[in-house]
């Protein structure tokens, strides 16, 4: 059984940093792509970033390029989203997802197979 668990969210002031973690169990490392999405109140879920199964390919939404960085610890089967220079508009529930069909690193949430429950990130102005 596959489990995806996010952690690391919290309240931070604008300009601050947070690191989100996504622990995946039930899948072998290097067999899935990983994506981060977020959903703000009243808005649709949107793509944030993705990491390839090999750990060498990445993709970022324009809104987070240069501020967010995705990475992975193979030994822990955990993917991280380092978020810096946070803005109030980054406030959202952040979700991690695994794509076992390896359908690229695009923003289509429908291509991801397993999802976590989300972690809240709140950025105060």
PDB file of N, CA and C in Angstrom:
ATOM      1  N   UNK A   1       0.841  -1.187   0.000  1.00  0.00           N
ATOM      2  CA  UNK A   1       0.000   0.000   0.000  1.00  0.00           C
ATOM      3  C   UNK A   1       0.884   1.247   0.000  1.00  0.00           C
ATOM      4  N   UNK A   2       0.505   2.206  -0.814  1.00  0.00           N
ATOM      5  CA  UNK A   2       1.294   3.417  -0.961  1.00  0.00           C
ATOM      6  C   UNK A   2       0.768   4.498  -0.024  1.00  0.00           C
ATOM      7  N   UNK A   3       1.709   5.163   0.636  1.00  0.00           N
ATOM      8  CA  UNK A   3       1.363   6.290   1.493  1.00  0.00           C
ATOM      9  C   UNK A   3       2.251   7.469   1.129  1.00  0.00           C
ATOM     10  N   UNK A   4       1.635   8.628   1.051  1.00  0.00           N
ATOM     11  CA  UNK A   4       2.348   9.879   0.795  1.00  0.00           C
ATOM     12  C   UNK A   4       2.008  10.822   1.942  1.00  0.00           C
ATOM     13  N   UNK A   5       3.018  11.284   2.646  1.00  0.00           N
ATOM     14  CA  UNK A   5       2.785  12.105   3.829  1.00  0.00           C
ATOM     15  C   UNK A   5       3.631  13.370   3.759  1.00  0.00           C
ATOM     16  N   UNK A   6       2.946  14.505   3.771  1.00  0.00           N
ATOM     17  CA  UNK A   6       3.640  15.791   3.769  1.00  0.00           C
ATOM     18  C   UNK A   6       3.829  16.297   5.198  1.00  0.00           C
ATOM     19  N   UNK A   7       4.861  17.082   5.380  1.00  0.00           N
ATOM     20  CA  UNK A   7       5.092  17.743   6.661  1.00  0.00           C
ATOM     21  C   UNK A   7       5.922  18.995   6.432  1.00  0.00           C
ATOM     22  N   UNK A   8       6.009  19.814   7.469  1.00  0.00           N
ATOM     23  CA  UNK A   8       6.870  20.990   7.393  1.00  0.00           C
ATOM     24  C   UNK A   8       6.159  22.302   7.191  1.00  0.00           C
ATOM     25  N   UNK A   9       4.850  22.254   7.021  1.00  0.00           N
ATOM     26  CA  UNK A   9       4.125  23.502   6.850  1.00  0.00           C
ATOM     27  C   UNK A   9       4.079  24.298   8.146  1.00  0.00           C
ATOM     28  N   UNK A  10       3.600  25.526   8.026  1.00  0.00           N
ATOM     29  CA  UNK A  10       3.498  26.366   9.206  1.00  0.00           C
ATOM     30  C   UNK A  10       3.233  27.801   8.845  1.00  0.00           C
ATOM     31  N   UNK A  11       3.392  28.654   9.835  1.00  0.00           N
ATOM     32  CA  UNK A  11       3.188  30.091   9.671  1.00  0.00           C
ATOM     33  C   UNK A  11       4.552  30.771   9.598  1.00  0.00           C
ATOM     34  N   UNK A  12       4.723  31.614   8.598  1.00  0.00           N
ATOM     35  CA  UNK A  12       5.999  32.302   8.412  1.00  0.00           C
ATOM     36  C   UNK A  12       5.723  33.707   7.901  1.00  0.00           C
ATOM     37  N   UNK A  13       6.602  34.619   8.217  1.00  0.00           N
ATOM     38  CA  UNK A  13       6.450  35.982   7.730  1.00  0.00           C
ATOM     39  C   UNK A  13       6.931  36.086   6.285  1.00  0.00           C
ATOM     40  N   UNK A  14       6.411  37.050   5.585  1.00  0.00           N
ATOM     41  CA  UNK A  14       6.840  37.297   4.209  1.00  0.00           C
ATOM     42  C   UNK A  14       8.353  37.496   4.170  1.00  0.00           C
ATOM     43  N   UNK A  15       8.968  36.876   3.182  1.00  0.00           N
ATOM     44  CA  UNK A  15      10.422  36.911   3.069  1.00  0.00           C
ATOM     45  C   UNK A  15      11.113  35.744   3.737  1.00  0.00           C
ATOM     46  N   UNK A  16      10.371  34.996   4.516  1.00  0.00           N
ATOM     47  CA  UNK A  16      10.936  33.861   5.236  1.00  0.00           C
ATOM     48  C   UNK A  16      11.022  32.608   4.384  1.00  0.00           C
ATOM     49  N   UNK A  17      11.421  31.525   5.040  1.00  0.00           N
ATOM     50  CA  UNK A  17      11.632  30.251   4.357  1.00  0.00           C
ATOM     51  C   UNK A  17      10.971  29.108   5.113  1.00  0.00           C
ATOM     52  N   UNK A  18      10.634  28.085   4.367  1.00  0.00           N
ATOM     53  CA  UNK A  18      10.132  26.830   4.933  1.00  0.00           C
ATOM     54  C   UNK A  18      10.622  25.699   4.051  1.00  0.00           C
ATOM     55  N   UNK A  19      10.777  24.539   4.658  1.00  0.00           N
ATOM     56  CA  UNK A  19      11.086  23.352   3.878  1.00  0.00           C
ATOM     57  C   UNK A  19      10.008  22.308   4.123  1.00  0.00           C
ATOM     58  N   UNK A  20       9.341  21.939   3.060  1.00  0.00           N
ATOM     59  CA  UNK A  20       8.326  20.896   3.133  1.00  0.00           C
ATOM     60  C   UNK A  20       8.967  19.550   2.807  1.00  0.00           C
ATOM     61  N   UNK A  21       8.456  18.522   3.465  1.00  0.00           N
ATOM     62  CA  UNK A  21       8.929  17.163   3.218  1.00  0.00           C
ATOM     63  C   UNK A  21       7.784  16.308   2.715  1.00  0.00           C
ATOM     64  N   UNK A  22       8.123  15.357   1.871  1.00  0.00           N
ATOM     65  CA  UNK A  22       7.141  14.414   1.340  1.00  0.00           C
ATOM     66  C   UNK A  22       7.733  13.021   1.460  1.00  0.00           C
ATOM     67  N   UNK A  23       7.236  12.274   2.421  1.00  0.00           N
ATOM     68  CA  UNK A  23       7.716  10.916   2.642  1.00  0.00           C
ATOM     69  C   UNK A  23       6.809   9.932   1.914  1.00  0.00           C
ATOM     70  N   UNK A  24       7.414   9.096   1.087  1.00  0.00           N
ATOM     71  CA  UNK A  24       6.661   8.124   0.302  1.00  0.00           C
ATOM     72  C   UNK A  24       7.024   6.712   0.765  1.00  0.00           C
ATOM     73  N   UNK A  25       6.029   5.928   1.067  1.00  0.00           N
ATOM     74  CA  UNK A  25       6.243   4.525   1.411  1.00  0.00           C
ATOM     75  C   UNK A  25       5.405   3.653   0.483  1.00  0.00           C
ATOM     76  N   UNK A  26       5.894   2.450   0.269  1.00  0.00           N
ATOM     77  CA  UNK A  26       5.170   1.540  -0.613  1.00  0.00           C
ATOM     78  C   UNK A  26       5.592   1.618  -2.066  1.00  0.00           C
ATOM     79  N   UNK A  27       6.477   2.540  -2.393  1.00  0.00           N
ATOM     80  CA  UNK A  27       7.029   2.653  -3.738  1.00  0.00           C
ATOM     81  C   UNK A  27       8.545   2.621  -3.652  1.00  0.00           C
ATOM     82  N   UNK A  28       9.148   1.984  -4.624  1.00  0.00           N
ATOM     83  CA  UNK A  28      10.602   1.930  -4.670  1.00  0.00           C
ATOM     84  C   UNK A  28      11.142   3.222  -5.245  1.00  0.00           C
ATOM     85  N   UNK A  29      12.180   3.744  -4.613  1.00  0.00           N
ATOM     86  CA  UNK A  29      12.785   4.982  -5.102  1.00  0.00           C
ATOM     87  C   UNK A  29      13.207   4.773  -6.546  1.00  0.00           C
ATOM     88  N   UNK A  30      13.174   5.830  -7.314  1.00  0.00           N
ATOM     89  CA  UNK A  30      13.529   5.831  -8.731  1.00  0.00           C
ATOM     90  C   UNK A  30      12.503   5.145  -9.624  1.00  0.00           C
ATOM     91  N   UNK A  31      11.294   4.944  -9.117  1.00  0.00           N
ATOM     92  CA  UNK A  31      10.239   4.379  -9.959  1.00  0.00           C
ATOM     93  C   UNK A  31       9.074   5.333 -10.128  1.00  0.00           C
ATOM     94  N   UNK A  32       9.191   6.548  -9.629  1.00  0.00           N
ATOM     95  CA  UNK A  32       8.081   7.483  -9.741  1.00  0.00           C
ATOM     96  C   UNK A  32       8.588   8.920  -9.814  1.00  0.00           C
ATOM     97  N   UNK A  33       7.834   9.732 -10.521  1.00  0.00           N
ATOM     98  CA  UNK A  33       8.048  11.178 -10.481  1.00  0.00           C
ATOM     99  C   UNK A  33       7.282  11.740  -9.294  1.00  0.00           C
ATOM    100  N   UNK A  34       7.716  12.872  -8.796  1.00  0.00           N
ATOM    101  CA  UNK A  34       7.071  13.501  -7.650  1.00  0.00           C
ATOM    102  C   UNK A  34       6.696  14.932  -7.987  1.00  0.00           C
ATOM    103  N   UNK A  35       5.501  15.292  -7.589  1.00  0.00           N
ATOM    104  CA  UNK A  35       5.065  16.656  -7.838  1.00  0.00           C
ATOM    105  C   UNK A  35       4.565  17.317  -6.571  1.00  0.00           C
ATOM    106  N   UNK A  36       4.700  18.646  -6.549  1.00  0.00           N
ATOM    107  CA  UNK A  36       4.111  19.454  -5.494  1.00  0.00           C
ATOM    108  C   UNK A  36       3.044  20.347  -6.131  1.00  0.00           C
ATOM    109  N   UNK A  37       1.901  20.396  -5.490  1.00  0.00           N
ATOM    110  CA  UNK A  37       0.804  21.242  -5.918  1.00  0.00           C
ATOM    111  C   UNK A  37       0.344  22.044  -4.709  1.00  0.00           C
ATOM    112  N   UNK A  38      -0.428  23.072  -4.959  1.00  0.00           N
ATOM    113  CA  UNK A  38      -0.983  23.839  -3.844  1.00  0.00           C
ATOM    114  C   UNK A  38      -2.381  24.320  -4.189  1.00  0.00           C
ATOM    115  N   UNK A  39      -3.142  24.552  -3.140  1.00  0.00           N
ATOM    116  CA  UNK A  39      -4.503  25.048  -3.340  1.00  0.00           C
ATOM    117  C   UNK A  39      -4.796  26.095  -2.279  1.00  0.00           C
ATOM    118  N   UNK A  40      -5.061  27.291  -2.745  1.00  0.00           N
ATOM    119  CA  UNK A  40      -5.425  28.388  -1.855  1.00  0.00           C
ATOM    120  C   UNK A  40      -6.939  28.421  -1.718  1.00  0.00           C
ATOM    121  N   UNK A  41      -7.440  29.017  -0.647  1.00  0.00           N
ATOM    122  CA  UNK A  41      -8.894  29.089  -0.449  1.00  0.00           C
ATOM    123  C   UNK A  41      -9.595  29.728  -1.636  1.00  0.00           C
ATOM    124  N   UNK A  42     -10.614  29.050  -2.126  1.00  0.00           N
ATOM    125  CA  UNK A  42     -11.392  29.594  -3.225  1.00  0.00           C
ATOM    126  C   UNK A  42     -10.754  29.472  -4.590  1.00  0.00           C
ATOM    127  N   UNK A  43      -9.607  28.817  -4.651  1.00  0.00           N
ATOM    128  CA  UNK A  43      -8.908  28.682  -5.929  1.00  0.00           C
ATOM    129  C   UNK A  43      -8.720  27.212  -6.276  1.00  0.00           C
ATOM    130  N   UNK A  44      -8.429  26.978  -7.545  1.00  0.00           N
ATOM    131  CA  UNK A  44      -8.165  25.620  -7.981  1.00  0.00           C
ATOM    132  C   UNK A  44      -6.757  25.188  -7.588  1.00  0.00           C
ATOM    133  N   UNK A  45      -6.592  23.887  -7.505  1.00  0.00           N
ATOM    134  CA  UNK A  45      -5.271  23.353  -7.225  1.00  0.00           C
ATOM    135  C   UNK A  45      -4.329  23.701  -8.380  1.00  0.00           C
ATOM    136  N   UNK A  46      -3.126  24.131  -8.052  1.00  0.00           N
ATOM    137  CA  UNK A  46      -2.174  24.517  -9.090  1.00  0.00           C
ATOM    138  C   UNK A  46      -0.837  23.833  -8.894  1.00  0.00           C
ATOM    139  N   UNK A  47      -0.173  23.629 -10.002  1.00  0.00           N
ATOM    140  CA  UNK A  47       1.140  22.999 -10.011  1.00  0.00           C
ATOM    141  C   UNK A  47       2.183  23.938  -9.430  1.00  0.00           C
ATOM    142  N   UNK A  48       3.112  23.343  -8.675  1.00  0.00           N
ATOM    143  CA  UNK A  48       4.207  24.122  -8.100  1.00  0.00           C
ATOM    144  C   UNK A  48       5.552  23.653  -8.653  1.00  0.00           C
ATOM    145  N   UNK A  49       5.806  22.349  -8.531  1.00  0.00           N
ATOM    146  CA  UNK A  49       7.106  21.844  -8.949  1.00  0.00           C
ATOM    147  C   UNK A  49       7.031  20.334  -9.135  1.00  0.00           C
ATOM    148  N   UNK A  50       7.984  19.784  -9.872  1.00  0.00           N
ATOM    149  CA  UNK A  50       8.058  18.341 -10.065  1.00  0.00           C
ATOM    150  C   UNK A  50       9.507  17.895 -10.173  1.00  0.00           C
ATOM    151  N   UNK A  51       9.719  16.652  -9.787  1.00  0.00           N
ATOM    152  CA  UNK A  51      11.053  16.051  -9.819  1.00  0.00           C
ATOM    153  C   UNK A  51      10.957  14.704 -10.509  1.00  0.00           C
ATOM    154  N   UNK A  52      11.897  14.445 -11.405  1.00  0.00           N
ATOM    155  CA  UNK A  52      11.855  13.191 -12.152  1.00  0.00           C
ATOM    156  C   UNK A  52      12.253  12.006 -11.292  1.00  0.00           C
ATOM    157  N   UNK A  53      11.943  10.815 -11.785  1.00  0.00           N
ATOM    158  CA  UNK A  53      12.267   9.579 -11.068  1.00  0.00           C
ATOM    159  C   UNK A  53      13.771   9.459 -10.824  1.00  0.00           C
ATOM    160  N   UNK A  54      14.569   9.989 -11.745  1.00  0.00           N
ATOM    161  CA  UNK A  54      16.013   9.898 -11.605  1.00  0.00           C
ATOM    162  C   UNK A  54      16.584  10.927 -10.642  1.00  0.00           C
ATOM    163  N   UNK A  55      15.775  11.910 -10.349  1.00  0.00           N
ATOM    164  CA  UNK A  55      16.255  12.980  -9.481  1.00  0.00           C
ATOM    165  C   UNK A  55      17.013  14.065 -10.209  1.00  0.00           C
ATOM    166  N   UNK A  56      17.107  13.956 -11.521  1.00  0.00           N
ATOM    167  CA  UNK A  56      17.904  14.924 -12.285  1.00  0.00           C
ATOM    168  C   UNK A  56      17.060  15.922 -13.053  1.00  0.00           C
ATOM    169  N   UNK A  57      15.798  15.612 -13.265  1.00  0.00           N
ATOM    170  CA  UNK A  57      14.934  16.521 -13.999  1.00  0.00           C
ATOM    171  C   UNK A  57      13.997  17.257 -13.066  1.00  0.00           C
ATOM    172  N   UNK A  58      13.833  18.550 -13.304  1.00  0.00           N
ATOM    173  CA  UNK A  58      12.937  19.352 -12.480  1.00  0.00           C
ATOM    174  C   UNK A  58      12.082  20.264 -13.341  1.00  0.00           C
ATOM    175  N   UNK A  59      10.996  20.707 -12.759  1.00  0.00           N
ATOM    176  CA  UNK A  59      10.116  21.658 -13.420  1.00  0.00           C
ATOM    177  C   UNK A  59       9.501  22.535 -12.337  1.00  0.00           C
ATOM    178  N   UNK A  60       9.330  23.816 -12.650  1.00  0.00           N
ATOM    179  CA  UNK A  60       8.771  24.760 -11.692  1.00  0.00           C
ATOM    180  C   UNK A  60       7.728  25.639 -12.359  1.00  0.00           C
ATOM    181  N   UNK A  61       6.730  25.983 -11.592  1.00  0.00           N
ATOM    182  CA  UNK A  61       5.787  26.991 -12.057  1.00  0.00           C
ATOM    183  C   UNK A  61       6.508  28.336 -12.120  1.00  0.00           C
ATOM    184  N   UNK A  62       6.103  29.171 -13.050  1.00  0.00           N
ATOM    185  CA  UNK A  62       6.751  30.476 -13.190  1.00  0.00           C
ATOM    186  C   UNK A  62       6.685  31.285 -11.901  1.00  0.00           C
ATOM    187  N   UNK A  63       5.605  31.114 -11.176  1.00  0.00           N
ATOM    188  CA  UNK A  63       5.398  31.911  -9.964  1.00  0.00           C
ATOM    189  C   UNK A  63       6.398  31.580  -8.850  1.00  0.00           C
ATOM    190  N   UNK A  64       7.067  30.430  -8.935  1.00  0.00           N
ATOM    191  CA  UNK A  64       7.992  30.035  -7.859  1.00  0.00           C
ATOM    192  C   UNK A  64       9.426  29.885  -8.335  1.00  0.00           C
ATOM    193  N   UNK A  65       9.658  30.049  -9.614  1.00  0.00           N
ATOM    194  CA  UNK A  65      11.025  29.902 -10.145  1.00  0.00           C
ATOM    195  C   UNK A  65      11.972  30.878  -9.461  1.00  0.00           C
ATOM    196  N   UNK A  66      13.124  30.357  -9.090  1.00  0.00           N
ATOM    197  CA  UNK A  66      14.116  31.178  -8.420  1.00  0.00           C
ATOM    198  C   UNK A  66      13.905  31.292  -6.923  1.00  0.00           C
ATOM    199  N   UNK A  67      12.758  30.870  -6.428  1.00  0.00           N
ATOM    200  CA  UNK A  67      12.466  30.938  -4.994  1.00  0.00           C
ATOM    201  C   UNK A  67      12.326  29.563  -4.358  1.00  0.00           C
ATOM    202  N   UNK A  68      11.786  28.610  -5.091  1.00  0.00           N
ATOM    203  CA  UNK A  68      11.565  27.257  -4.586  1.00  0.00           C
ATOM    204  C   UNK A  68      12.546  26.299  -5.249  1.00  0.00           C
ATOM    205  N   UNK A  69      12.893  25.256  -4.496  1.00  0.00           N
ATOM    206  CA  UNK A  69      13.802  24.243  -5.020  1.00  0.00           C
ATOM    207  C   UNK A  69      13.339  22.872  -4.565  1.00  0.00           C
ATOM    208  N   UNK A  70      13.265  21.931  -5.508  1.00  0.00           N
ATOM    209  CA  UNK A  70      12.825  20.576  -5.200  1.00  0.00           C
ATOM    210  C   UNK A  70      14.033  19.647  -5.219  1.00  0.00           C
ATOM    211  N   UNK A  71      14.050  18.708  -4.278  1.00  0.00           N
ATOM    212  CA  UNK A  71      15.177  17.776  -4.188  1.00  0.00           C
ATOM    213  C   UNK A  71      14.711  16.489  -3.517  1.00  0.00           C
ATOM    214  N   UNK A  72      15.604  15.520  -3.461  1.00  0.00           N
ATOM    215  CA  UNK A  72      15.213  14.231  -2.905  1.00  0.00           C
ATOM    216  C   UNK A  72      16.363  13.614  -2.125  1.00  0.00           C
ATOM    217  N   UNK A  73      16.011  12.920  -1.058  1.00  0.00           N
ATOM    218  CA  UNK A  73      16.951  12.098  -0.300  1.00  0.00           C
ATOM    219  C   UNK A  73      16.592  10.646  -0.590  1.00  0.00           C
ATOM    220  N   UNK A  74      17.393   9.997  -1.406  1.00  0.00           N
ATOM    221  CA  UNK A  74      17.063   8.630  -1.813  1.00  0.00           C
ATOM    222  C   UNK A  74      17.034   7.668  -0.631  1.00  0.00           C
ATOM    223  N   UNK A  75      17.942   7.857   0.308  1.00  0.00           N
ATOM    224  CA  UNK A  75      18.004   6.950   1.449  1.00  0.00           C
ATOM    225  C   UNK A  75      16.729   6.999   2.285  1.00  0.00           C
ATOM    226  N   UNK A  76      16.110   8.162   2.316  1.00  0.00           N
ATOM    227  CA  UNK A  76      14.894   8.334   3.113  1.00  0.00           C
ATOM    228  C   UNK A  76      13.624   8.249   2.276  1.00  0.00           C
ATOM    229  N   UNK A  77      13.774   8.107   0.964  1.00  0.00           N
ATOM    230  CA  UNK A  77      12.619   8.097   0.057  1.00  0.00           C
ATOM    231  C   UNK A  77      11.722   9.307   0.339  1.00  0.00           C
ATOM    232  N   UNK A  78      12.370  10.430   0.458  1.00  0.00           N
ATOM    233  CA  UNK A  78      11.690  11.674   0.818  1.00  0.00           C
ATOM    234  C   UNK A  78      12.065  12.770  -0.161  1.00  0.00           C
ATOM    235  N   UNK A  79      11.067  13.501  -0.575  1.00  0.00           N
ATOM    236  CA  UNK A  79      11.263  14.641  -1.479  1.00  0.00           C
ATOM    237  C   UNK A  79      11.022  15.925  -0.694  1.00  0.00           C
ATOM    238  N   UNK A  80      11.834  16.917  -0.962  1.00  0.00           N
ATOM    239  CA  UNK A  80      11.746  18.181  -0.245  1.00  0.00           C
ATOM    240  C   UNK A  80      11.380  19.314  -1.190  1.00  0.00           C
ATOM    241  N   UNK A  81      10.693  20.283  -0.643  1.00  0.00           N
ATOM    242  CA  UNK A  81      10.438  21.536  -1.368  1.00  0.00           C
ATOM    243  C   UNK A  81      10.946  22.659  -0.480  1.00  0.00           C
ATOM    244  N   UNK A  82      12.093  23.191  -0.841  1.00  0.00           N
ATOM    245  CA  UNK A  82      12.655  24.315  -0.111  1.00  0.00           C
ATOM    246  C   UNK A  82      12.054  25.589  -0.663  1.00  0.00           C
ATOM    247  N   UNK A  83      11.411  26.344   0.205  1.00  0.00           N
ATOM    248  CA  UNK A  83      10.729  27.558  -0.214  1.00  0.00           C
ATOM    249  C   UNK A  83      11.387  28.761   0.452  1.00  0.00           C
ATOM    250  N   UNK A  84      11.837  29.694  -0.344  1.00  0.00           N
ATOM    251  CA  UNK A  84      12.470  30.899   0.176  1.00  0.00           C
ATOM    252  C   UNK A  84      11.757  32.129  -0.363  1.00  0.00           C
ATOM    253  N   UNK A  85      12.068  33.267   0.208  1.00  0.00           N
ATOM    254  CA  UNK A  85      11.451  34.534  -0.203  1.00  0.00           C
ATOM    255  C   UNK A  85       9.940  34.387  -0.316  1.00  0.00           C
ATOM    256  N   UNK A  86       9.357  33.798   0.692  1.00  0.00           N
ATOM    257  CA  UNK A  86       7.924  33.515   0.649  1.00  0.00           C
ATOM    258  C   UNK A  86       7.096  34.796   0.621  1.00  0.00           C
ATOM    259  N   UNK A  87       5.977  34.709  -0.096  1.00  0.00           N
ATOM    260  CA  UNK A  87       5.070  35.832  -0.258  1.00  0.00           C
ATOM    261  C   UNK A  87       3.700  35.439   0.286  1.00  0.00           C
ATOM    262  N   UNK A  88       2.898  36.419   0.663  1.00  0.00           N
ATOM    263  CA  UNK A  88       1.540  36.091   1.136  1.00  0.00           C
ATOM    264  C   UNK A  88       0.754  35.269   0.111  1.00  0.00           C
ATOM    265  N   UNK A  89       0.999  35.491  -1.156  1.00  0.00           N
ATOM    266  CA  UNK A  89       0.277  34.733  -2.182  1.00  0.00           C
ATOM    267  C   UNK A  89       0.722  33.272  -2.282  1.00  0.00           C
ATOM    268  N   UNK A  90       1.757  32.905  -1.546  1.00  0.00           N
ATOM    269  CA  UNK A  90       2.145  31.493  -1.474  1.00  0.00           C
ATOM    270  C   UNK A  90       1.312  30.729  -0.445  1.00  0.00           C
ATOM    271  N   UNK A  91       0.493  31.437   0.286  1.00  0.00           N
ATOM    272  CA  UNK A  91      -0.360  30.793   1.282  1.00  0.00           C
ATOM    273  C   UNK A  91      -1.305  29.807   0.618  1.00  0.00           C
ATOM    274  N   UNK A  92      -1.270  28.571   1.089  1.00  0.00           N
ATOM    275  CA  UNK A  92      -2.084  27.512   0.497  1.00  0.00           C
ATOM    276  C   UNK A  92      -1.852  26.222   1.266  1.00  0.00           C
ATOM    277  N   UNK A  93      -2.666  25.248   0.954  1.00  0.00           N
ATOM    278  CA  UNK A  93      -2.368  23.876   1.372  1.00  0.00           C
ATOM    279  C   UNK A  93      -1.504  23.271   0.276  1.00  0.00           C
ATOM    280  N   UNK A  94      -0.378  22.716   0.678  1.00  0.00           N
ATOM    281  CA  UNK A  94       0.563  22.133  -0.274  1.00  0.00           C
ATOM    282  C   UNK A  94       0.432  20.607  -0.253  1.00  0.00           C
ATOM    283  N   UNK A  95       0.311  20.059  -1.440  1.00  0.00           N
ATOM    284  CA  UNK A  95       0.134  18.630  -1.603  1.00  0.00           C
ATOM    285  C   UNK A  95       1.312  18.028  -2.370  1.00  0.00           C
ATOM    286  N   UNK A  96       1.694  16.845  -1.943  1.00  0.00           N
ATOM    287  CA  UNK A  96       2.701  16.074  -2.657  1.00  0.00           C
ATOM    288  C   UNK A  96       2.011  14.916  -3.361  1.00  0.00           C
ATOM    289  N   UNK A  97       2.510  14.562  -4.529  1.00  0.00           N
ATOM    290  CA  UNK A  97       1.899  13.480  -5.294  1.00  0.00           C
ATOM    291  C   UNK A  97       2.964  12.666  -6.020  1.00  0.00           C
ATOM    292  N   UNK A  98       2.674  11.392  -6.215  1.00  0.00           N
ATOM    293  CA  UNK A  98       3.594  10.500  -6.915  1.00  0.00           C
ATOM    294  C   UNK A  98       2.959  10.012  -8.213  1.00  0.00           C
ATOM    295  N   UNK A  99       3.763   9.995  -9.249  1.00  0.00           N
ATOM    296  CA  UNK A  99       3.311   9.580 -10.579  1.00  0.00           C
ATOM    297  C   UNK A  99       4.119   8.353 -10.984  1.00  0.00           C
ATOM    298  N   UNK A 100       3.477   7.178 -10.941  1.00  0.00           N
ATOM    299  CA  UNK A 100       4.203   5.947 -11.231  1.00  0.00           C
ATOM    300  C   UNK A 100       4.230   5.629 -12.723  1.00  0.00           C
ATOM    301  N   UNK A 101       3.403   6.329 -13.505  1.00  0.00           N
ATOM    302  CA  UNK A 101       3.390   6.081 -14.943  1.00  0.00           C
ATOM    303  C   UNK A 101       4.434   6.928 -15.663  1.00  0.00           C
ATOM    304  N   UNK A 102       5.097   7.783 -14.897  1.00  0.00           N
ATOM    305  CA  UNK A 102       6.227   8.571 -15.404  1.00  0.00           C
ATOM    306  C   UNK A 102       5.839   9.413 -16.614  1.00  0.00           C
ATOM    307  N   UNK A 103       4.649  10.041 -16.513  1.00  0.00           N
ATOM    308  CA  UNK A 103       4.172  10.877 -17.609  1.00  0.00           C
ATOM    309  C   UNK A 103       4.736  12.279 -17.514  1.00  0.00           C
ATOM    310  N   UNK A 104       6.022  12.376 -17.573  1.00  0.00           N
ATOM    311  CA  UNK A 104       6.665  13.676 -17.634  1.00  0.00           C
ATOM    312  C   UNK A 104       6.574  14.457 -16.346  1.00  0.00           C
ATOM    313  N   UNK A 105       6.953  15.712 -16.422  1.00  0.00           N
ATOM    314  CA  UNK A 105       6.984  16.592 -15.253  1.00  0.00           C
ATOM    315  C   UNK A 105       6.034  17.768 -15.425  1.00  0.00           C
ATOM    316  N   UNK A 106       4.999  17.546 -16.188  1.00  0.00           N
ATOM    317  CA  UNK A 106       4.065  18.626 -16.460  1.00  0.00           C
ATOM    318  C   UNK A 106       3.120  18.909 -15.318  1.00  0.00           C
ATOM    319  N   UNK A 107       2.297  19.929 -15.489  1.00  0.00           N
ATOM    320  CA  UNK A 107       1.446  20.431 -14.416  1.00  0.00           C
ATOM    321  C   UNK A 107       0.095  19.731 -14.268  1.00  0.00           C
ATOM    322  N   UNK A 108      -0.154  18.690 -15.033  1.00  0.00           N
ATOM    323  CA  UNK A 108      -1.456  18.036 -15.009  1.00  0.00           C
ATOM    324  C   UNK A 108      -1.593  17.155 -13.772  1.00  0.00           C
ATOM    325  N   UNK A 109      -2.426  17.605 -12.835  1.00  0.00           N
ATOM    326  CA  UNK A 109      -2.611  16.848 -11.596  1.00  0.00           C
ATOM    327  C   UNK A 109      -3.216  15.477 -11.860  1.00  0.00           C
ATOM    328  N   UNK A 110      -3.953  15.345 -12.951  1.00  0.00           N
ATOM    329  CA  UNK A 110      -4.583  14.083 -13.278  1.00  0.00           C
ATOM    330  C   UNK A 110      -3.617  12.963 -13.600  1.00  0.00           C
ATOM    331  N   UNK A 111      -2.356  13.314 -13.845  1.00  0.00           N
ATOM    332  CA  UNK A 111      -1.365  12.300 -14.193  1.00  0.00           C
ATOM    333  C   UNK A 111      -0.662  11.743 -12.959  1.00  0.00           C
ATOM    334  N   UNK A 112      -1.048  12.215 -11.794  1.00  0.00           N
ATOM    335  CA  UNK A 112      -0.445  11.734 -10.567  1.00  0.00           C
ATOM    336  C   UNK A 112      -1.366  10.716  -9.911  1.00  0.00           C
ATOM    337  N   UNK A 113      -0.747   9.657  -9.386  1.00  0.00           N
ATOM    338  CA  UNK A 113      -1.513   8.504  -8.941  1.00  0.00           C
ATOM    339  C   UNK A 113      -1.795   8.478  -7.451  1.00  0.00           C
ATOM    340  N   UNK A 114      -0.868   8.985  -6.672  1.00  0.00           N
ATOM    341  CA  UNK A 114      -1.004   8.925  -5.218  1.00  0.00           C
ATOM    342  C   UNK A 114      -0.782  10.319  -4.636  1.00  0.00           C
ATOM    343  N   UNK A 115      -1.628  10.674  -3.686  1.00  0.00           N
ATOM    344  CA  UNK A 115      -1.606  12.011  -3.101  1.00  0.00           C
ATOM    345  C   UNK A 115      -1.540  11.940  -1.586  1.00  0.00           C
ATOM    346  N   UNK A 116      -0.881  12.944  -1.025  1.00  0.00           N
ATOM    347  CA  UNK A 116      -0.908  13.099   0.419  1.00  0.00           C
ATOM    348  C   UNK A 116      -2.103  13.923   0.851  1.00  0.00           C
ATOM    349  N   UNK A 117      -2.200  14.150   2.149  1.00  0.00           N
ATOM    350  CA  UNK A 117      -3.328  14.880   2.708  1.00  0.00           C
ATOM    351  C   UNK A 117      -3.095  16.387   2.728  1.00  0.00           C
ATOM    352  N   UNK A 118      -1.869  16.789   2.504  1.00  0.00           N
ATOM    353  CA  UNK A 118      -1.570  18.209   2.434  1.00  0.00           C
ATOM    354  C   UNK A 118      -1.025  18.774   3.733  1.00  0.00           C
ATOM    355  N   UNK A 119      -0.300  19.878   3.599  1.00  0.00           N
ATOM    356  CA  UNK A 119       0.218  20.596   4.763  1.00  0.00           C
ATOM    357  C   UNK A 119       0.008  22.089   4.528  1.00  0.00           C
ATOM    358  N   UNK A 120      -0.457  22.766   5.551  1.00  0.00           N
ATOM    359  CA  UNK A 120      -0.820  24.180   5.401  1.00  0.00           C
ATOM    360  C   UNK A 120       0.420  25.071   5.504  1.00  0.00           C
ATOM    361  N   UNK A 121       0.533  25.974   4.558  1.00  0.00           N
ATOM    362  CA  UNK A 121       1.560  27.012   4.597  1.00  0.00           C
ATOM    363  C   UNK A 121       0.856  28.356   4.615  1.00  0.00           C
ATOM    364  N   UNK A 122       1.164  29.147   5.621  1.00  0.00           N
ATOM    365  CA  UNK A 122       0.577  30.468   5.744  1.00  0.00           C
ATOM    366  C   UNK A 122       1.694  31.499   5.830  1.00  0.00           C
ATOM    367  N   UNK A 123       1.655  32.471   4.926  1.00  0.00           N
ATOM    368  CA  UNK A 123       2.661  33.523   4.887  1.00  0.00           C
ATOM    369  C   UNK A 123       1.990  34.839   5.245  1.00  0.00           C
ATOM    370  N   UNK A 124       2.429  35.419   6.324  1.00  0.00           N
ATOM    371  CA  UNK A 124       1.842  36.677   6.784  1.00  0.00           C
ATOM    372  C   UNK A 124       2.610  37.863   6.217  1.00  0.00           C
ATOM    373  N   UNK A 125       1.878  38.948   5.998  1.00  0.00           N
ATOM    374  CA  UNK A 125       2.508  40.148   5.408  1.00  0.00           C
ATOM    375  C   UNK A 125       3.049  41.074   6.481  1.00  0.00           C
TER     376      UNK A 125
END
